[in-house]
Amino acid sequence: MSSIVAIVGRPNVGKSTFFNRLIQRREAIVDAVSGVTRDRHYGKSDWNGVEFSLIDTGGYVLGSDDIFEAEIDKQVELAIDEADAIIFMVDVASGVTGMDEDVAKLLRKVDKPVFLVVNKVDNAMRAADAVEFYSLGLGEYYTIASINGSGTGDLLDALVKALPEKIENEDDELPRFAVVGRPNAGKSSFINALIGEDRYIVTDIAGTTRDAIDTKYNRFGFEFNLVDTAGIRRKSKVKEDLEFYAVMRSVRAIEHCDVCLLVLDATRGFDGQVQNIFWLAERNRKGIVILVNKWDLIENKESNTLKDFEKYIRREIAPFTDVPIVFISALTKQRLYKAIETAVEVYKNRSKKIKTSELNDILLPIIEHNPPPAYKGKYVKIKYITQLPTPQPQFAFFCNLPQYIRDPYKRFIENQLRKEFDFRGVPISVYFRKK
């Protein structure tokens, strides 16, 4: 499980520019999810082999000092509570402001790594001006120019050294299934329906994630850890932005699982926040099962209602449509066993290892009959295929001119892998390499 790094600060200091620069450091693997709650952003990055999730807490709602203070309390305290490290960004051009001092006051109480980052330092004169930020009482600062990346190397070197090491859990050999989704989708009801009757077969394990409990589940011949993200928070935390908190908790749960059980409310549909949590799981290369909860509340169901709803979801998740969708009711316990059975199947698909000889015997003839289209008069010949030794399915196709393989052909190859070997519910990574 990678760590979470939150970027906080007032508006217009360059947080989003810095965020965008970091998530682009790993091409093809890294992507951002935006718009989950207004203008917050979620992505993955790494530095010197250390992977971490990055959260830009976005702009604050400005209307009056009181509104701003309330918003700062929600956003910054939440980042403090959930993140493993915090980047506090300020702007050398405007100097220390009252808003900066409000954030610094909160951060001085934190027992976590806090990195004061002075942005827009693109010349020696501005580097001298940055000295005034010592007055915030956060110790040393880092000067960067996020627009061109200047200074980010030193900051990231210090950041990855401060992140906590991965904690190995004695139950890591068990599959981890995370129940994620937006608030009020029925996550708690689903979990209670699973474990509420025969509590003697479950044990709570102190999780390595904050506010998420691993519950060992062993029924119907299945044994796994159920990562519950639907826990009730302390009343003192109710004032926080629940939508933002739900996503941050989902980020942690997704990072720490093998399969995501994405619960959505059938009466609300596959809305924007649910979609973004889906893509967050896909970009983390986790197995995914979509659970359409509260199906019993849909009135006037006809023979094609379920099929139409399923088609609607698949349109929204295209091109990754090879995902199981199970219609359930946590209230009536309808299809709960089917949901767990499907999650186990997806876990097995994600763990599947295919022999190199089998890959080549099956796929090379298909490729020979459907070769990559010529590009700039050049013909690509794929000679050899192997599965990479990674936790999720990744395949390397060795060829003479990998740079001429276009995206449509990559999708064709992925579709053939799914057709021949059944990777339902699992994102596949396909790489073309020089032979």
Protein backbone atom coordinates (compact mmCIF):
# COMPACT_ATOMS: atom_id res chain seq x y z
CA MET A 1 0.00 0.00 0.00
CA SER A 2 1.44 3.35 -1.00
CA SER A 3 1.28 6.40 1.25
CA ILE A 4 -1.00 9.40 0.83
CA VAL A 5 0.46 12.88 0.40
CA ALA A 6 -1.92 15.85 0.63
CA ILE A 7 -1.21 19.27 -0.87
CA VAL A 8 -2.82 22.07 1.12
CA GLY A 9 -2.77 25.84 0.92
CA ARG A 10 -4.83 28.83 -0.09
CA PRO A 11 -6.01 29.42 -3.66
CA ASN A 12 -3.73 30.51 -6.51
CA VAL A 13 -0.42 29.37 -5.06
CA GLY A 14 0.17 26.79 -7.81
CA LYS A 15 -0.99 23.58 -6.12
CA SER A 16 -2.65 22.16 -9.22
CA THR A 17 0.33 22.94 -11.45
CA PHE A 18 2.62 21.17 -8.99
CA PHE A 19 0.18 18.24 -8.77
CA ASN A 20 0.00 17.88 -12.55
CA ARG A 21 3.78 17.92 -12.83
CA LEU A 22 4.18 15.13 -10.27
CA ILE A 23 1.59 12.74 -11.68
CA GLN A 24 3.15 12.97 -15.13
CA ARG A 25 6.45 11.54 -13.93
CA ARG A 26 5.31 7.99 -14.72
CA GLU A 27 3.93 7.92 -18.21
CA ALA A 28 1.19 5.43 -19.13
CA ILE A 29 0.78 4.10 -15.58
CA VAL A 30 -0.14 7.34 -13.85
CA ASP A 31 -3.29 9.33 -14.38
CA ALA A 32 -5.38 11.74 -12.38
CA VAL A 33 -9.00 11.61 -11.37
CA SER A 34 -10.59 15.04 -11.14
CA GLY A 35 -13.97 16.36 -10.20
CA VAL A 36 -14.83 13.80 -7.52
CA THR A 37 -15.87 16.58 -5.19
CA ARG A 38 -15.87 19.91 -6.99
CA ASP A 39 -12.25 20.55 -8.03
CA ARG A 40 -10.18 18.17 -5.94
CA HIS A 41 -7.71 15.94 -7.75
CA TYR A 42 -6.40 12.44 -7.06
CA GLY A 43 -3.45 10.78 -8.75
CA LYS A 44 -0.48 8.47 -8.34
CA SER A 45 3.19 9.28 -8.59
CA ASP A 46 6.53 7.90 -7.54
CA TRP A 47 10.04 9.11 -6.89
CA ASN A 48 13.13 6.91 -6.83
CA GLY A 49 10.95 3.80 -6.79
CA VAL A 50 8.76 4.97 -3.89
CA GLU A 51 5.10 5.11 -4.93
CA PHE A 52 2.57 7.41 -3.31
CA SER A 53 -0.93 8.76 -3.88
CA LEU A 54 -1.23 12.49 -4.28
CA ILE A 55 -4.28 14.55 -3.30
CA ASP A 56 -4.70 18.20 -4.23
CA THR A 57 -7.28 19.57 -1.80
CA GLY A 58 -8.31 22.13 -4.38
CA GLY A 59 -9.54 25.68 -4.12
CA TYR A 60 -11.45 26.92 -1.14
CA VAL A 61 -14.87 28.58 -1.19
CA LEU A 62 -14.21 32.28 -0.74
CA GLY A 63 -17.04 34.58 0.22
CA SER A 64 -16.18 35.94 3.63
CA ASP A 65 -13.57 35.39 6.27
CA ASP A 66 -15.96 33.17 8.23
CA ILE A 67 -16.72 30.98 5.21
CA PHE A 68 -13.05 30.69 4.42
CA GLU A 69 -12.16 29.74 7.99
CA ALA A 70 -14.86 27.07 8.03
CA GLU A 71 -13.62 25.66 4.74
CA ILE A 72 -10.00 25.68 5.92
CA ASP A 73 -11.02 23.75 9.04
CA LYS A 74 -12.70 21.07 6.93
CA GLN A 75 -10.08 20.68 4.22
CA VAL A 76 -6.83 21.07 6.11
CA GLU A 77 -7.89 19.17 9.25
CA LEU A 78 -9.11 16.37 7.03
CA ALA A 79 -5.82 16.25 5.14
CA ILE A 80 -3.98 16.27 8.47
CA ASP A 81 -6.11 13.40 9.76
CA GLU A 82 -5.90 11.14 6.70
CA ALA A 83 -2.59 11.83 4.94
CA ASP A 84 0.81 10.36 5.80
CA ALA A 85 2.61 13.57 4.85
CA ILE A 86 1.50 17.10 4.03
CA ILE A 87 2.86 19.59 1.51
CA PHE A 88 1.92 23.12 2.54
CA MET A 89 2.33 25.38 -0.47
CA VAL A 90 2.71 29.16 -0.30
CA ASP A 91 3.45 31.85 -2.90
CA VAL A 92 6.64 33.91 -2.74
CA ALA A 93 5.10 36.59 -4.97
CA SER A 94 2.40 37.50 -2.45
CA GLY A 95 4.38 36.76 0.69
CA VAL A 96 2.92 35.60 4.00
CA THR A 97 -0.83 36.19 4.17
CA GLY A 98 -3.39 35.81 6.92
CA MET A 99 -4.72 32.70 5.20
CA ASP A 100 -1.22 31.17 5.24
CA GLU A 101 -0.97 31.86 8.94
CA ASP A 102 -4.33 30.15 9.58
CA VAL A 103 -3.12 26.99 7.84
CA ALA A 104 0.27 27.11 9.55
CA LYS A 105 -1.42 27.38 12.95
CA LEU A 106 -3.17 24.06 12.30
CA LEU A 107 -0.08 22.39 10.91
CA ARG A 108 2.15 23.33 13.85
CA LYS A 109 0.08 20.93 15.99
CA VAL A 110 0.60 17.99 13.66
CA ASP A 111 2.73 14.98 14.49
CA LYS A 112 3.31 14.14 10.82
CA PRO A 113 5.88 15.26 8.25
CA VAL A 114 4.97 18.74 7.02
CA PHE A 115 6.88 20.25 4.10
CA LEU A 116 6.64 24.01 3.69
CA VAL A 117 7.02 24.66 -0.04
CA VAL A 118 7.52 28.18 -1.37
CA ASN A 119 6.37 28.25 -4.98
CA LYS A 120 7.15 30.57 -7.90
CA VAL A 121 10.80 30.95 -6.88
CA ASP A 122 12.34 31.26 -10.35
CA ASN A 123 15.23 33.66 -9.70
CA ALA A 124 17.77 34.58 -7.01
CA MET A 125 15.86 37.66 -5.87
CA ARG A 126 12.75 35.61 -5.16
CA ALA A 127 14.87 33.01 -3.35
CA ALA A 128 15.96 35.77 -0.96
CA ASP A 129 12.35 36.89 -0.49
CA ALA A 130 11.37 33.37 0.63
CA VAL A 131 13.15 33.90 3.95
CA GLU A 132 10.05 35.61 5.38
CA PHE A 133 8.23 32.26 5.46
CA TYR A 134 10.33 31.25 8.47
CA SER A 135 7.81 33.38 10.39
CA LEU A 136 5.19 30.63 9.90
CA GLY A 137 7.01 28.56 12.52
CA LEU A 138 7.31 25.40 10.42
CA GLY A 139 11.09 25.30 10.20
CA GLU A 140 12.97 24.78 6.96
CA TYR A 141 11.27 25.40 3.66
CA TYR A 142 11.79 24.23 0.07
CA THR A 143 11.81 26.65 -2.86
CA ILE A 144 10.38 25.46 -6.15
CA ALA A 145 8.95 26.74 -9.42
CA SER A 146 6.15 24.31 -10.24
CA ILE A 147 5.73 25.77 -13.72
CA ASN A 148 9.12 24.38 -14.82
CA GLY A 149 9.91 21.85 -12.08
CA SER A 150 12.84 23.72 -10.59
CA GLY A 151 13.63 22.55 -7.04
CA THR A 152 11.15 19.66 -7.00
CA GLY A 153 13.91 17.03 -6.92
CA ASP A 154 15.22 18.10 -3.50
CA LEU A 155 11.67 18.30 -2.15
CA LEU A 156 10.76 14.82 -3.38
CA ASP A 157 14.00 13.33 -2.05
CA ALA A 158 13.08 14.55 1.42
CA LEU A 159 9.42 13.59 1.02
CA VAL A 160 9.96 9.92 0.16
CA LYS A 161 12.47 9.55 3.01
CA ALA A 162 9.80 10.78 5.45
CA LEU A 163 7.01 8.49 4.24
CA PRO A 164 6.26 5.48 6.46
CA GLU A 165 7.59 2.14 5.35
CA LYS A 166 5.11 -0.46 4.14
CA ILE A 167 3.75 -2.48 7.05
CA GLU A 168 3.64 -6.21 6.43
CA ASN A 169 0.54 -7.75 7.98
CA GLU A 170 0.51 -11.37 9.01
CA ASP A 171 -2.79 -11.75 7.13
CA ASP A 172 -1.43 -10.31 3.88
CA GLU A 173 -1.70 -13.71 2.24
CA LEU A 174 -5.50 -13.45 2.46
CA PRO A 175 -7.31 -11.57 -0.31
CA ARG A 176 -8.49 -8.09 0.62
CA PHE A 177 -11.90 -6.96 -0.60
CA ALA A 178 -12.66 -3.26 -0.08
CA VAL A 179 -16.23 -1.97 0.10
CA VAL A 180 -16.17 1.51 -1.45
CA GLY A 181 -18.67 4.02 -2.78
CA ARG A 182 -20.23 7.37 -2.06
CA PRO A 183 -22.00 8.08 1.26
CA ASN A 184 -25.45 6.55 1.80
CA ALA A 185 -25.07 3.98 -0.97
CA GLY A 186 -25.63 1.15 1.50
CA LYS A 187 -22.06 0.09 2.29
CA SER A 188 -22.78 -0.34 5.99
CA SER A 189 -25.96 -2.30 5.29
CA PHE A 190 -24.11 -4.55 2.87
CA ILE A 191 -21.34 -5.29 5.38
CA ASN A 192 -23.78 -5.84 8.24
CA ALA A 193 -25.81 -8.21 6.09
CA LEU A 194 -22.64 -10.19 5.40
CA ILE A 195 -21.29 -10.44 8.94
CA GLY A 196 -24.18 -9.50 11.22
CA GLU A 197 -25.72 -12.93 11.82
CA ASP A 198 -22.79 -15.22 12.54
CA ARG A 199 -20.35 -12.92 14.27
CA TYR A 200 -18.39 -15.81 15.77
CA ILE A 201 -16.73 -16.38 12.41
CA VAL A 202 -15.27 -12.88 12.11
CA THR A 203 -12.46 -11.13 13.95
CA ASP A 204 -11.49 -7.47 13.78
CA ILE A 205 -7.88 -6.89 12.80
CA ALA A 206 -6.24 -3.56 13.62
CA GLY A 207 -5.80 -2.08 10.15
CA THR A 208 -2.81 -0.20 8.84
CA THR A 209 -5.23 2.34 7.38
CA ARG A 210 -6.88 5.06 9.45
CA ASP A 211 -10.53 4.47 10.29
CA ALA A 212 -10.74 1.32 8.14
CA ILE A 213 -11.14 -2.06 9.78
CA ASP A 214 -10.08 -5.36 8.26
CA THR A 215 -12.65 -8.02 9.12
CA LYS A 216 -11.64 -11.61 8.53
CA TYR A 217 -14.54 -13.30 6.77
CA ASN A 218 -14.94 -17.04 6.44
CA ARG A 219 -18.26 -18.33 5.14
CA PHE A 220 -19.47 -20.44 2.24
CA GLY A 221 -15.94 -21.72 1.73
CA PHE A 222 -14.53 -18.22 1.16
CA GLU A 223 -11.87 -16.66 3.38
CA PHE A 224 -10.72 -13.09 2.93
CA ASN A 225 -10.26 -9.77 4.70
CA LEU A 226 -13.16 -7.37 4.22
CA VAL A 227 -11.89 -3.76 4.29
CA ASP A 228 -14.72 -1.68 5.68
CA THR A 229 -14.69 1.98 4.63
CA ALA A 230 -18.17 2.60 6.00
CA GLY A 231 -17.27 3.02 9.67
CA ILE A 232 -18.93 5.69 11.78
CA ARG A 233 -16.70 8.63 12.67
CA ARG A 234 -16.48 10.45 15.98
CA LYS A 235 -19.19 13.08 16.42
CA SER A 236 -16.53 15.78 16.60
CA LYS A 237 -15.67 14.97 12.99
CA VAL A 238 -19.19 15.32 11.60
CA LYS A 239 -18.47 18.93 10.62
CA GLU A 240 -16.02 17.73 7.99
CA ASP A 241 -16.74 17.59 4.30
CA LEU A 242 -18.22 14.10 4.15
CA GLU A 243 -17.93 13.76 0.38
CA PHE A 244 -14.23 14.60 0.46
CA TYR A 245 -13.69 12.35 3.44
CA ALA A 246 -15.45 9.45 1.69
CA VAL A 247 -13.11 9.74 -1.26
CA MET A 248 -9.98 10.00 0.87
CA ARG A 249 -11.04 6.91 2.78
CA SER A 250 -11.76 5.17 -0.54
CA VAL A 251 -8.26 6.09 -1.73
CA ARG A 252 -6.75 4.32 1.27
CA ALA A 253 -9.02 1.31 0.96
CA ILE A 254 -8.34 0.96 -2.77
CA GLU A 255 -4.59 1.18 -2.20
CA HIS A 256 -4.84 -1.57 0.40
CA CYS A 257 -7.00 -4.13 -1.41
CA ASP A 258 -7.04 -6.69 -4.20
CA VAL A 259 -10.67 -6.30 -5.27
CA CYS A 260 -12.98 -3.29 -4.93
CA LEU A 261 -16.67 -3.90 -4.29
CA LEU A 262 -18.06 -0.63 -5.62
CA VAL A 263 -21.49 -0.12 -4.06
CA LEU A 264 -23.86 2.31 -5.77
CA ASP A 265 -27.41 3.36 -4.99
CA ALA A 266 -29.74 2.19 -7.79
CA THR A 267 -32.07 5.12 -7.10
CA ARG A 268 -29.25 7.62 -7.77
CA GLY A 269 -27.55 5.87 -10.66
CA PHE A 270 -23.92 5.67 -11.72
CA ASP A 271 -23.22 9.32 -10.98
CA GLY A 272 -20.03 11.36 -11.20
CA GLN A 273 -18.56 10.50 -7.83
CA VAL A 274 -19.19 6.78 -8.30
CA GLN A 275 -17.58 6.95 -11.74
CA ASN A 276 -14.50 8.64 -10.36
CA ILE A 277 -14.09 6.06 -7.61
CA PHE A 278 -14.41 3.40 -10.32
CA TRP A 279 -11.62 4.98 -12.38
CA LEU A 280 -9.51 5.42 -9.24
CA ALA A 281 -9.68 1.64 -8.73
CA GLU A 282 -8.99 1.00 -12.43
CA ARG A 283 -5.95 3.24 -12.44
CA ASN A 284 -4.66 1.42 -9.37
CA ARG A 285 -5.07 -1.83 -11.36
CA LYS A 286 -7.40 -3.40 -8.80
CA GLY A 287 -10.09 -5.98 -9.47
CA ILE A 288 -13.56 -4.40 -9.62
CA VAL A 289 -17.08 -5.67 -8.98
CA ILE A 290 -19.96 -3.19 -9.30
CA LEU A 291 -22.79 -3.82 -6.83
CA VAL A 292 -26.06 -2.05 -7.67
CA ASN A 293 -27.68 -1.81 -4.24
CA LYS A 294 -31.29 -0.97 -3.31
CA TRP A 295 -32.56 -2.69 -6.44
CA ASP A 296 -35.69 -3.55 -4.44
CA LEU A 297 -36.56 0.17 -4.36
CA ILE A 298 -36.79 0.51 -8.14
CA GLU A 299 -40.47 0.66 -8.97
CA ASN A 300 -42.24 -0.34 -12.17
CA LYS A 301 -39.53 -2.78 -13.17
CA GLU A 302 -40.10 -4.43 -16.53
CA SER A 303 -38.42 -7.41 -18.16
CA ASN A 304 -35.68 -5.25 -19.68
CA THR A 305 -35.15 -2.79 -16.78
CA LEU A 306 -32.15 -4.63 -15.38
CA LYS A 307 -30.53 -5.08 -18.81
CA ASP A 308 -31.04 -1.40 -19.65
CA PHE A 309 -29.48 -0.32 -16.35
CA GLU A 310 -26.51 -2.60 -16.98
CA LYS A 311 -26.05 -1.21 -20.50
CA TYR A 312 -26.12 2.31 -19.09
CA ILE A 313 -23.31 1.49 -16.63
CA ARG A 314 -21.20 -0.18 -19.31
CA ARG A 315 -21.51 2.89 -21.53
CA GLU A 316 -20.20 5.01 -18.66
CA ILE A 317 -17.19 2.77 -17.96
CA ALA A 318 -16.15 2.21 -21.59
CA PRO A 319 -13.68 1.09 -22.83
CA PHE A 320 -13.16 -1.08 -19.69
CA THR A 321 -16.52 -2.83 -19.97
CA ASP A 322 -15.43 -6.34 -18.95
CA VAL A 323 -16.59 -5.77 -15.36
CA PRO A 324 -19.15 -7.88 -13.47
CA ILE A 325 -22.28 -6.03 -12.36
CA VAL A 326 -24.40 -7.63 -9.63
CA PHE A 327 -27.82 -6.26 -8.62
CA ILE A 328 -28.30 -6.67 -4.88
CA SER A 329 -30.39 -5.57 -1.94
CA ALA A 330 -28.59 -5.39 1.38
CA LEU A 331 -31.97 -4.92 3.06
CA THR A 332 -33.52 -8.16 1.74
CA LYS A 333 -30.13 -9.90 1.43
CA GLN A 334 -30.79 -10.51 -2.24
CA ARG A 335 -27.77 -11.87 -4.19
CA LEU A 336 -25.24 -11.19 -1.40
CA TYR A 337 -23.71 -14.63 -1.89
CA LYS A 338 -23.49 -13.93 -5.63
CA ALA A 339 -21.64 -10.68 -4.88
CA ILE A 340 -19.01 -12.45 -2.77
CA GLU A 341 -18.73 -15.35 -5.20
CA THR A 342 -18.11 -12.88 -8.04
CA ALA A 343 -15.48 -11.00 -6.01
CA VAL A 344 -13.62 -14.27 -5.39
CA GLU A 345 -13.70 -15.04 -9.12
CA VAL A 346 -12.30 -11.59 -9.92
CA TYR A 347 -9.54 -12.09 -7.33
CA LYS A 348 -8.59 -15.37 -9.00
CA ASN A 349 -8.58 -13.66 -12.40
CA ARG A 350 -6.29 -10.93 -11.06
CA SER A 351 -3.90 -13.54 -9.63
CA LYS A 352 -3.89 -15.64 -12.79
CA LYS A 353 -0.51 -16.64 -14.24
CA ILE A 354 -0.35 -17.90 -17.80
CA LYS A 355 2.53 -19.97 -19.07
CA THR A 356 4.70 -18.30 -21.68
CA SER A 357 4.34 -21.25 -24.04
CA GLU A 358 0.54 -21.10 -23.78
CA LEU A 359 0.50 -17.35 -24.43
CA ASN A 360 2.61 -17.73 -27.55
CA ASP A 361 0.81 -20.81 -28.86
CA ILE A 362 -2.59 -19.10 -28.63
CA LEU A 363 -1.89 -15.45 -29.40
CA LEU A 364 0.84 -15.53 -32.04
CA PRO A 365 -1.42 -17.22 -34.64
CA ILE A 366 -4.13 -14.63 -33.92
CA ILE A 367 -1.58 -11.84 -34.34
CA GLU A 368 -0.29 -13.40 -37.56
CA HIS A 369 -3.82 -13.28 -39.03
CA ASN A 370 -4.41 -9.76 -37.64
CA PRO A 371 -1.02 -8.01 -37.70
CA PRO A 372 -0.52 -4.39 -36.63
CA PRO A 373 -1.32 -1.96 -39.47
CA ALA A 374 1.67 -0.55 -41.33
CA TYR A 375 2.71 2.87 -40.06
CA LYS A 376 4.79 5.26 -42.17
CA GLY A 377 5.54 2.36 -44.50
CA LYS A 378 6.94 0.28 -41.63
CA TYR A 379 5.65 -3.18 -40.71
CA VAL A 380 5.63 -4.35 -37.09
CA LYS A 381 6.35 -8.00 -36.39
CA ILE A 382 5.52 -9.34 -32.92
CA LYS A 383 7.83 -12.23 -32.13
CA TYR A 384 7.37 -13.20 -28.49
CA ILE A 385 4.96 -12.73 -25.57
CA THR A 386 5.37 -13.16 -21.83
CA GLN A 387 3.49 -12.28 -18.65
CA LEU A 388 5.41 -10.02 -16.30
CA PRO A 389 5.98 -11.09 -12.65
CA THR A 390 3.62 -8.50 -11.13
CA PRO A 391 0.65 -8.81 -8.72
CA GLN A 392 -1.79 -7.84 -11.49
CA PRO A 393 -1.89 -9.01 -15.14
CA GLN A 394 0.77 -7.27 -17.23
CA PHE A 395 2.04 -8.58 -20.53
CA ALA A 396 5.08 -7.74 -22.63
CA PHE A 397 4.95 -8.15 -26.42
CA PHE A 398 8.40 -8.11 -27.98
CA CYS A 399 8.59 -6.75 -31.51
CA ASN A 400 10.87 -4.96 -33.95
CA LEU A 401 9.20 -1.51 -33.93
CA PRO A 402 7.22 -1.01 -30.69
CA GLN A 403 6.96 2.74 -31.28
CA TYR A 404 4.63 2.13 -34.25
CA ILE A 405 1.98 0.24 -32.28
CA ARG A 406 -1.10 2.48 -32.07
CA ASP A 407 -3.80 2.53 -29.37
CA PRO A 408 -6.50 0.73 -31.41
CA TYR A 409 -4.22 -2.26 -31.87
CA LYS A 410 -3.36 -2.27 -28.16
CA ARG A 411 -7.09 -2.49 -27.42
CA PHE A 412 -7.38 -5.33 -29.92
CA ILE A 413 -4.61 -7.23 -28.11
CA GLU A 414 -6.25 -6.62 -24.73
CA ASN A 415 -9.58 -7.88 -26.08
CA GLN A 416 -7.92 -11.06 -27.34
CA LEU A 417 -6.32 -11.65 -23.93
CA ARG A 418 -9.72 -11.27 -22.28
CA LYS A 419 -11.39 -13.51 -24.82
CA GLU A 420 -8.86 -16.35 -24.52
CA PHE A 421 -8.00 -16.26 -20.80
CA ASP A 422 -10.91 -14.63 -18.89
CA PHE A 423 -9.75 -11.54 -17.05
CA ARG A 424 -13.25 -10.33 -16.20
CA GLY A 425 -13.20 -7.50 -13.68
CA VAL A 426 -9.44 -6.97 -13.92
CA PRO A 427 -7.54 -4.14 -15.63
CA ILE A 428 -4.84 -5.45 -17.99
CA SER A 429 -1.59 -3.66 -18.84
CA VAL A 430 -0.04 -4.38 -22.25
CA TYR A 431 3.49 -3.22 -23.12
CA PHE A 432 5.31 -3.44 -26.44
CA ARG A 433 9.08 -3.70 -26.17
CA LYS A 434 12.01 -3.82 -28.52
CA LYS A 435 13.17 -7.35 -29.29
